Amino acid sequence: MKKTIPQRAVIHPRDVENITGRKQRTAQYLIQTIRKALGKEKYQFVTVSEFCQFVGIDEDTVREFLLD
């Protein structure tokens, strides 16, 4: 029986670092900025689709980075 690994729904600062080439603190600040723009609390996650809409990057491109 073959197990499939579900794709992640949320994005982390390390992912943002890999995608954008920015430093860790800048990636954290970007996620914080997205969270504020969406009216989320600091304990709430930012989804991949929310990140993509905010920065204007295609979701398929971002998902390629998440698989590696």
Protein backbone atom coordinates (compact mmCIF):
# COMPACT_ATOMS: atom_id res chain seq x y z
CA MET A 1 0.00 0.00 0.00
CA LYS A 2 1.45 3.31 -1.09
CA LYS A 3 1.18 6.26 1.28
CA THR A 4 0.85 9.74 -0.11
CA ILE A 5 2.29 12.64 1.78
CA PRO A 6 -0.13 15.57 1.91
CA GLN A 7 1.13 18.95 0.83
CA ARG A 8 1.65 21.46 3.58
CA ALA A 9 -0.97 24.16 3.91
CA VAL A 10 1.14 26.68 5.82
CA ILE A 11 4.37 28.47 5.04
CA HIS A 12 7.24 28.99 7.48
CA PRO A 13 10.04 31.57 7.57
CA ARG A 14 12.53 28.95 6.41
CA ASP A 15 10.39 28.38 3.29
CA VAL A 16 10.31 32.12 2.63
CA GLU A 17 14.12 32.18 2.95
CA ASN A 18 14.45 29.43 0.34
CA ILE A 19 11.94 31.00 -2.04
CA THR A 20 13.09 34.63 -1.86
CA GLY A 21 16.74 34.30 -0.88
CA ARG A 22 16.20 36.69 2.04
CA LYS A 23 17.67 36.35 5.52
CA GLN A 24 15.76 34.71 8.39
CA ARG A 25 14.73 37.94 10.10
CA THR A 26 13.46 39.44 6.84
CA ALA A 27 11.45 36.27 6.17
CA GLN A 28 9.94 36.48 9.66
CA TYR A 29 9.08 40.13 9.10
CA LEU A 30 7.41 39.32 5.76
CA ILE A 31 5.20 36.67 7.37
CA GLN A 32 4.39 39.12 10.18
CA THR A 33 3.44 41.77 7.59
CA ILE A 34 1.18 39.32 5.75
CA ARG A 35 -0.45 38.30 9.02
CA LYS A 36 -1.16 41.95 9.90
CA ALA A 37 -2.53 42.71 6.41
CA LEU A 38 -4.92 39.77 6.69
CA GLY A 39 -6.03 40.71 10.21
CA LYS A 40 -4.68 37.56 11.80
CA GLU A 41 -3.42 37.12 15.34
CA LYS A 42 0.26 36.34 15.97
CA TYR A 43 -0.52 32.69 16.79
CA GLN A 44 -2.37 32.10 13.50
CA PHE A 45 -0.64 30.59 10.48
CA VAL A 46 -0.22 32.05 7.01
CA THR A 47 -1.23 29.63 4.27
CA VAL A 48 0.69 29.04 1.07
CA SER A 49 -2.10 30.56 -1.02
CA GLU A 50 -2.24 33.68 1.19
CA PHE A 51 1.52 34.09 0.84
CA CYS A 52 1.33 33.69 -2.94
CA GLN A 53 -1.45 36.24 -3.29
CA PHE A 54 0.42 38.75 -1.14
CA VAL A 55 3.81 38.52 -2.86
CA GLY A 56 2.50 37.82 -6.37
CA ILE A 57 4.27 34.51 -6.97
CA ASP A 58 2.55 31.59 -8.69
CA GLU A 59 1.45 28.91 -6.21
CA ASP A 60 2.93 26.09 -8.32
CA THR A 61 6.35 27.75 -8.18
CA VAL A 62 6.16 28.02 -4.41
CA ARG A 63 5.03 24.40 -4.01
CA GLU A 64 8.15 23.25 -5.93
CA PHE A 65 10.27 24.80 -3.19
CA LEU A 66 8.19 23.16 -0.46
CA LEU A 67 8.74 19.68 -1.88
CA ASP A 68 12.54 19.92 -1.75
